[in-house]
């Protein structure tokens, strides 16, 4: 899968969230960023639609800190190597994740969990 993904900085205004954030978790991420002075892991974004698959709290924290770009691991979300499942209860599909990311509303926090097959 490594040949199908790469990391690049994207402007935050270009990427699309699909879930809301949990304020308590956001505070933890902000504290970590202020102490560490760096992002430990890039966020994960669909390369086609720029929908955030993992990293909503980090993106929100970057916005609050006034940063305009964030490191992103761009992946092919249509790949069978990537699956989505409900983080807690319910059901969610890749199509619904993309629709939320490109539409007007957001899922509640922690609605989806994405898994990538290791190579």
C-alpha atoms as a PDB file:
ATOM      1  CA  UNK A   1       0.000   0.000   0.000  1.00  0.00           C
ATOM      2  CA  UNK A   2       2.912   2.338   0.492  1.00  0.00           C
ATOM      3  CA  UNK A   3       3.211   2.967  -3.225  1.00  0.00           C
ATOM      4  CA  UNK A   4      -0.411   4.147  -3.310  1.00  0.00           C
ATOM      5  CA  UNK A   5      -0.026   6.863  -0.672  1.00  0.00           C
ATOM      6  CA  UNK A   6       2.172   9.824   0.032  1.00  0.00           C
ATOM      7  CA  UNK A   7       2.467  12.652   2.531  1.00  0.00           C
ATOM      8  CA  UNK A   8       2.128  16.305   1.635  1.00  0.00           C
ATOM      9  CA  UNK A   9       1.060  19.508   3.325  1.00  0.00           C
ATOM     10  CA  UNK A  10      -2.423  20.709   2.416  1.00  0.00           C
ATOM     11  CA  UNK A  11      -4.112  23.965   3.268  1.00  0.00           C
ATOM     12  CA  UNK A  12      -6.653  23.356   6.009  1.00  0.00           C
ATOM     13  CA  UNK A  13      -9.334  25.151   4.013  1.00  0.00           C
ATOM     14  CA  UNK A  14      -8.966  22.493   1.284  1.00  0.00           C
ATOM     15  CA  UNK A  15      -9.791  19.491   3.488  1.00  0.00           C
ATOM     16  CA  UNK A  16     -13.238  18.335   4.522  1.00  0.00           C
ATOM     17  CA  UNK A  17     -14.256  16.965   7.927  1.00  0.00           C
ATOM     18  CA  UNK A  18     -17.017  14.374   8.218  1.00  0.00           C
ATOM     19  CA  UNK A  19     -17.259  14.210  12.039  1.00  0.00           C
ATOM     20  CA  UNK A  20     -17.560  16.646  14.913  1.00  0.00           C
ATOM     21  CA  UNK A  21     -14.846  16.732  17.577  1.00  0.00           C
ATOM     22  CA  UNK A  22     -14.967  16.038  21.306  1.00  0.00           C
ATOM     23  CA  UNK A  23     -13.976  19.229  23.152  1.00  0.00           C
ATOM     24  CA  UNK A  24     -12.105  17.373  25.902  1.00  0.00           C
ATOM     25  CA  UNK A  25     -10.013  15.509  23.306  1.00  0.00           C
ATOM     26  CA  UNK A  26      -9.396  18.755  21.421  1.00  0.00           C
ATOM     27  CA  UNK A  27      -7.953  20.334  24.580  1.00  0.00           C
ATOM     28  CA  UNK A  28      -5.568  17.366  24.959  1.00  0.00           C
ATOM     29  CA  UNK A  29      -4.400  17.702  21.355  1.00  0.00           C
ATOM     30  CA  UNK A  30      -3.877  21.455  21.775  1.00  0.00           C
ATOM     31  CA  UNK A  31      -1.813  20.877  24.908  1.00  0.00           C
ATOM     32  CA  UNK A  32       0.269  18.218  23.169  1.00  0.00           C
ATOM     33  CA  UNK A  33       0.933  20.484  20.173  1.00  0.00           C
ATOM     34  CA  UNK A  34       1.961  23.366  22.423  1.00  0.00           C
ATOM     35  CA  UNK A  35       4.363  21.149  24.408  1.00  0.00           C
ATOM     36  CA  UNK A  36       5.759  19.014  21.560  1.00  0.00           C
ATOM     37  CA  UNK A  37       5.832  21.864  19.007  1.00  0.00           C
ATOM     38  CA  UNK A  38       5.131  19.328  16.273  1.00  0.00           C
ATOM     39  CA  UNK A  39       2.549  16.927  14.922  1.00  0.00           C
ATOM     40  CA  UNK A  40       3.409  13.319  15.810  1.00  0.00           C
ATOM     41  CA  UNK A  41       1.483  11.765  12.912  1.00  0.00           C
ATOM     42  CA  UNK A  42       0.026  13.253   9.719  1.00  0.00           C
ATOM     43  CA  UNK A  43      -3.729  13.186   9.360  1.00  0.00           C
ATOM     44  CA  UNK A  44      -5.225  10.731   6.870  1.00  0.00           C
ATOM     45  CA  UNK A  45      -7.160  12.185   3.941  1.00  0.00           C
ATOM     46  CA  UNK A  46      -8.820  10.738   0.845  1.00  0.00           C
ATOM     47  CA  UNK A  47      -6.692  11.963  -2.056  1.00  0.00           C
ATOM     48  CA  UNK A  48      -9.690  12.351  -4.382  1.00  0.00           C
ATOM     49  CA  UNK A  49     -12.216  14.233  -2.217  1.00  0.00           C
ATOM     50  CA  UNK A  50      -9.899  15.597   0.527  1.00  0.00           C
ATOM     51  CA  UNK A  51     -12.260  14.173   3.189  1.00  0.00           C
ATOM     52  CA  UNK A  52     -10.537  13.632   6.544  1.00  0.00           C
ATOM     53  CA  UNK A  53     -10.538   9.965   7.528  1.00  0.00           C
ATOM     54  CA  UNK A  54      -8.447  10.324  10.677  1.00  0.00           C
ATOM     55  CA  UNK A  55      -7.328  13.516  12.400  1.00  0.00           C
ATOM     56  CA  UNK A  56     -10.355  15.730  13.006  1.00  0.00           C
ATOM     57  CA  UNK A  57      -9.046  16.871  16.402  1.00  0.00           C
ATOM     58  CA  UNK A  58      -5.606  17.695  14.987  1.00  0.00           C
ATOM     59  CA  UNK A  59      -7.139  19.748  12.171  1.00  0.00           C
ATOM     60  CA  UNK A  60      -9.339  21.696  14.591  1.00  0.00           C
ATOM     61  CA  UNK A  61      -6.318  22.319  16.854  1.00  0.00           C
ATOM     62  CA  UNK A  62      -4.269  23.605  13.907  1.00  0.00           C
ATOM     63  CA  UNK A  63      -7.114  26.005  13.028  1.00  0.00           C
ATOM     64  CA  UNK A  64      -7.283  27.299  16.604  1.00  0.00           C
ATOM     65  CA  UNK A  65      -3.512  27.847  16.600  1.00  0.00           C
ATOM     66  CA  UNK A  66      -3.831  29.857  13.393  1.00  0.00           C
ATOM     67  CA  UNK A  67      -1.883  27.405  11.250  1.00  0.00           C
ATOM     68  CA  UNK A  68      -2.849  27.198   7.604  1.00  0.00           C
ATOM     69  CA  UNK A  69      -1.290  23.911   6.474  1.00  0.00           C
ATOM     70  CA  UNK A  70      -1.196  20.412   7.947  1.00  0.00           C
ATOM     71  CA  UNK A  71       0.752  17.288   6.960  1.00  0.00           C
ATOM     72  CA  UNK A  72      -1.594  14.774   5.323  1.00  0.00           C
ATOM     73  CA  UNK A  73      -1.186  11.143   4.343  1.00  0.00           C
ATOM     74  CA  UNK A  74      -3.130  10.980   1.106  1.00  0.00           C
ATOM     75  CA  UNK A  75      -4.711   7.625   0.407  1.00  0.00           C
ATOM     76  CA  UNK A  76      -7.026   6.054  -2.140  1.00  0.00           C
ATOM     77  CA  UNK A  77     -10.208   5.637  -0.089  1.00  0.00           C
ATOM     78  CA  UNK A  78     -11.821   3.588  -2.857  1.00  0.00           C
ATOM     79  CA  UNK A  79      -9.213   0.861  -2.293  1.00  0.00           C
ATOM     80  CA  UNK A  80     -10.406  -2.458  -0.895  1.00  0.00           C
ATOM     81  CA  UNK A  81      -7.414  -2.258   1.466  1.00  0.00           C
ATOM     82  CA  UNK A  82      -9.279   0.402   3.456  1.00  0.00           C
ATOM     83  CA  UNK A  83     -12.444  -0.406   5.365  1.00  0.00           C
ATOM     84  CA  UNK A  84     -14.777   1.621   7.550  1.00  0.00           C
ATOM     85  CA  UNK A  85     -16.793   0.403  10.491  1.00  0.00           C
ATOM     86  CA  UNK A  86     -18.816   2.088  13.201  1.00  0.00           C
ATOM     87  CA  UNK A  87     -16.617   3.270  16.067  1.00  0.00           C
ATOM     88  CA  UNK A  88     -19.345   2.442  18.561  1.00  0.00           C
ATOM     89  CA  UNK A  89     -22.903   1.473  17.623  1.00  0.00           C
ATOM     90  CA  UNK A  90     -24.713   1.814  14.346  1.00  0.00           C
ATOM     91  CA  UNK A  91     -23.583   1.426  10.772  1.00  0.00           C
ATOM     92  CA  UNK A  92     -21.571   3.607   8.418  1.00  0.00           C
ATOM     93  CA  UNK A  93     -20.322   3.205   4.845  1.00  0.00           C
ATOM     94  CA  UNK A  94     -17.540   4.793   2.821  1.00  0.00           C
ATOM     95  CA  UNK A  95     -20.187   6.461   0.681  1.00  0.00           C
ATOM     96  CA  UNK A  96     -21.795   8.058   3.759  1.00  0.00           C
ATOM     97  CA  UNK A  97     -18.411   9.287   5.017  1.00  0.00           C
ATOM     98  CA  UNK A  98     -17.712  11.005   1.684  1.00  0.00           C
ATOM     99  CA  UNK A  99     -21.239  12.449   1.486  1.00  0.00           C
ATOM    100  CA  UNK A 100     -20.908  13.961   4.976  1.00  0.00           C
ATOM    101  CA  UNK A 101     -17.473  15.328   4.176  1.00  0.00           C
ATOM    102  CA  UNK A 102     -18.656  16.992   0.997  1.00  0.00           C
ATOM    103  CA  UNK A 103     -22.067  17.996   2.313  1.00  0.00           C
ATOM    104  CA  UNK A 104     -23.388  20.369   4.987  1.00  0.00           C
ATOM    105  CA  UNK A 105     -23.666  18.437   8.276  1.00  0.00           C
ATOM    106  CA  UNK A 106     -21.259  16.341  10.251  1.00  0.00           C
ATOM    107  CA  UNK A 107     -21.559  12.971  11.939  1.00  0.00           C
ATOM    108  CA  UNK A 108     -21.323  12.927  15.735  1.00  0.00           C
ATOM    109  CA  UNK A 109     -17.776  12.439  17.071  1.00  0.00           C
ATOM    110  CA  UNK A 110     -16.255   8.982  16.709  1.00  0.00           C
ATOM    111  CA  UNK A 111     -18.907   7.701  14.269  1.00  0.00           C
ATOM    112  CA  UNK A 112     -16.435   5.945  11.996  1.00  0.00           C
ATOM    113  CA  UNK A 113     -13.268   3.944  12.399  1.00  0.00           C
ATOM    114  CA  UNK A 114     -11.054   3.286   9.395  1.00  0.00           C
ATOM    115  CA  UNK A 115      -8.746   0.324   9.059  1.00  0.00           C
ATOM    116  CA  UNK A 116      -5.961  -0.123   6.545  1.00  0.00           C
ATOM    117  CA  UNK A 117      -4.488  -3.494   5.710  1.00  0.00           C
ATOM    118  CA  UNK A 118      -0.816  -3.645   6.589  1.00  0.00           C
ATOM    119  CA  UNK A 119       1.563  -4.639   3.847  1.00  0.00           C
END
